[in-house]
């Protein structure tokens, strides 16, 4: 088998994976996130609740930049804000259920792709594929 055949087969696999990703985003009724937006959502998700100042510090951003990003997330229903009881100038940011889903889309995407693999392969082929993935991953 030559490298071109492997490349073509690999591209078919990638197409299946990216189609799975698009399906997940369509079901969530949201356009794909940029890498930066995904990082922000993941940080908020891991923190549970974070101030805008802490988020700005975590990504070395200006507070106005964070404020704009948070406004976009708020407009699309991804976050919720809570005013600090002791300092009304401070807002705590947390994710809505939709925001949590999007923060973890990489898991949803890979689960969808694995569902497609299980639908197409026998248990023996899945074992062989897992073994090959493990072998390739050790490179």
Protein backbone atom coordinates (compact mmCIF):
# COMPACT_ATOMS: atom_id res chain seq x y z
CA UNK A 1 0.00 0.00 0.00
CA UNK A 2 1.41 3.37 -0.94
CA UNK A 3 1.36 6.62 1.02
CA UNK A 4 -1.19 8.22 -1.30
CA UNK A 5 -3.75 5.50 -0.53
CA UNK A 6 -3.14 5.95 3.21
CA UNK A 7 -3.51 9.72 2.83
CA UNK A 8 -6.81 9.33 0.98
CA UNK A 9 -8.15 6.90 3.58
CA UNK A 10 -7.04 9.18 6.39
CA UNK A 11 -8.82 12.11 4.71
CA UNK A 12 -12.02 10.05 4.58
CA UNK A 13 -11.68 9.42 8.30
CA UNK A 14 -11.12 13.13 8.96
CA UNK A 15 -14.16 14.01 6.86
CA UNK A 16 -16.28 11.66 8.98
CA UNK A 17 -14.88 13.23 12.15
CA UNK A 18 -15.47 16.82 11.00
CA UNK A 19 -18.95 15.94 9.77
CA UNK A 20 -19.60 14.63 13.29
CA UNK A 21 -18.36 17.93 14.70
CA UNK A 22 -20.69 19.93 12.46
CA UNK A 23 -23.62 17.73 13.50
CA UNK A 24 -22.91 18.45 17.16
CA UNK A 25 -22.76 22.22 16.55
CA UNK A 26 -25.95 22.07 14.50
CA UNK A 27 -27.76 20.19 17.27
CA UNK A 28 -26.54 22.77 19.78
CA UNK A 29 -27.76 25.48 17.37
CA UNK A 30 -24.47 27.34 17.53
CA UNK A 31 -21.78 28.18 15.04
CA UNK A 32 -18.35 26.75 15.68
CA UNK A 33 -16.30 28.47 18.34
CA UNK A 34 -12.96 30.04 17.62
CA UNK A 35 -10.03 28.54 19.45
CA UNK A 36 -9.85 31.54 21.77
CA UNK A 37 -13.56 31.46 22.57
CA UNK A 38 -13.30 27.76 23.33
CA UNK A 39 -10.37 28.47 25.69
CA UNK A 40 -12.36 31.14 27.51
CA UNK A 41 -15.37 28.86 27.93
CA UNK A 42 -13.13 26.02 29.16
CA UNK A 43 -11.51 28.34 31.72
CA UNK A 44 -14.89 29.52 32.99
CA UNK A 45 -16.11 25.91 33.10
CA UNK A 46 -13.07 24.72 35.07
CA UNK A 47 -13.40 27.64 37.49
CA UNK A 48 -17.12 27.14 37.99
CA UNK A 49 -17.38 30.85 38.62
CA UNK A 50 -14.78 33.50 37.81
CA UNK A 51 -14.58 37.27 37.90
CA UNK A 52 -14.00 39.23 34.73
CA UNK A 53 -10.73 40.50 36.22
CA UNK A 54 -9.50 36.97 36.91
CA UNK A 55 -10.45 35.94 33.39
CA UNK A 56 -8.55 38.93 31.98
CA UNK A 57 -5.50 37.99 34.06
CA UNK A 58 -5.69 34.32 33.06
CA UNK A 59 -5.44 35.23 29.37
CA UNK A 60 -3.40 38.42 29.70
CA UNK A 61 -6.24 40.47 28.21
CA UNK A 62 -7.47 43.97 28.92
CA UNK A 63 -10.67 44.27 30.90
CA UNK A 64 -12.43 45.97 27.95
CA UNK A 65 -11.54 42.98 25.75
CA UNK A 66 -12.97 40.58 28.33
CA UNK A 67 -16.05 42.76 28.75
CA UNK A 68 -16.71 42.60 24.98
CA UNK A 69 -16.22 38.85 24.87
CA UNK A 70 -18.47 38.32 27.90
CA UNK A 71 -21.13 40.54 26.29
CA UNK A 72 -21.10 38.30 23.20
CA UNK A 73 -21.33 35.17 25.36
CA UNK A 74 -24.18 36.76 27.33
CA UNK A 75 -26.04 37.74 24.15
CA UNK A 76 -25.91 34.15 22.92
CA UNK A 77 -26.94 32.66 26.26
CA UNK A 78 -23.63 30.97 27.07
CA UNK A 79 -22.91 32.67 30.39
CA UNK A 80 -24.71 34.13 33.34
CA UNK A 81 -23.46 37.01 35.49
CA UNK A 82 -23.89 37.46 39.19
CA UNK A 83 -23.05 40.67 41.00
CA UNK A 84 -20.77 40.29 44.03
CA UNK A 85 -22.67 40.94 47.27
CA UNK A 86 -19.75 42.77 48.91
CA UNK A 87 -18.59 44.79 45.86
CA UNK A 88 -21.22 45.73 43.31
CA UNK A 89 -18.54 46.54 40.72
CA UNK A 90 -17.48 42.90 40.56
CA UNK A 91 -19.38 40.34 38.51
CA UNK A 92 -18.98 36.60 38.74
CA UNK A 93 -19.26 34.75 35.45
CA UNK A 94 -20.47 31.16 35.14
CA UNK A 95 -21.69 29.04 32.25
CA UNK A 96 -25.27 28.25 31.41
CA UNK A 97 -26.12 24.68 30.46
CA UNK A 98 -25.62 25.62 26.80
CA UNK A 99 -22.26 27.16 27.66
CA UNK A 100 -21.22 24.01 29.51
CA UNK A 101 -22.16 21.89 26.51
CA UNK A 102 -20.11 24.09 24.19
CA UNK A 103 -17.15 24.15 26.59
CA UNK A 104 -17.10 20.38 26.32
CA UNK A 105 -17.83 20.03 22.61
CA UNK A 106 -14.57 18.24 21.97
CA UNK A 107 -15.89 15.37 24.08
CA UNK A 108 -19.26 15.47 22.30
CA UNK A 109 -17.56 15.55 18.90
CA UNK A 110 -15.35 12.56 19.62
CA UNK A 111 -18.29 10.62 21.12
CA UNK A 112 -20.30 11.23 17.95
CA UNK A 113 -17.43 10.04 15.77
CA UNK A 114 -16.99 6.94 17.93
CA UNK A 115 -20.72 6.19 17.59
CA UNK A 116 -20.26 6.22 13.81
CA UNK A 117 -17.26 3.92 14.09
CA UNK A 118 -19.25 1.48 16.24
CA UNK A 119 -22.10 1.59 13.74
CA UNK A 120 -19.81 0.58 10.87
CA UNK A 121 -17.31 -1.84 12.36
CA UNK A 122 -17.51 -5.27 13.94
CA UNK A 123 -16.28 -5.73 17.52
CA UNK A 124 -13.12 -7.37 16.15
CA UNK A 125 -12.48 -4.45 13.80
CA UNK A 126 -13.00 -2.01 16.68
CA UNK A 127 -10.42 -3.90 18.75
CA UNK A 128 -7.99 -3.77 15.82
CA UNK A 129 -8.66 -0.07 15.24
CA UNK A 130 -8.15 0.70 18.94
CA UNK A 131 -4.87 -1.18 18.86
CA UNK A 132 -3.77 0.81 15.80
CA UNK A 133 -4.81 4.13 17.35
CA UNK A 134 -2.82 3.24 20.48
CA UNK A 135 0.20 2.33 18.38
CA UNK A 136 0.00 5.52 16.31
CA UNK A 137 -0.53 7.62 19.44
CA UNK A 138 2.73 6.37 20.93
CA UNK A 139 4.77 7.93 18.12
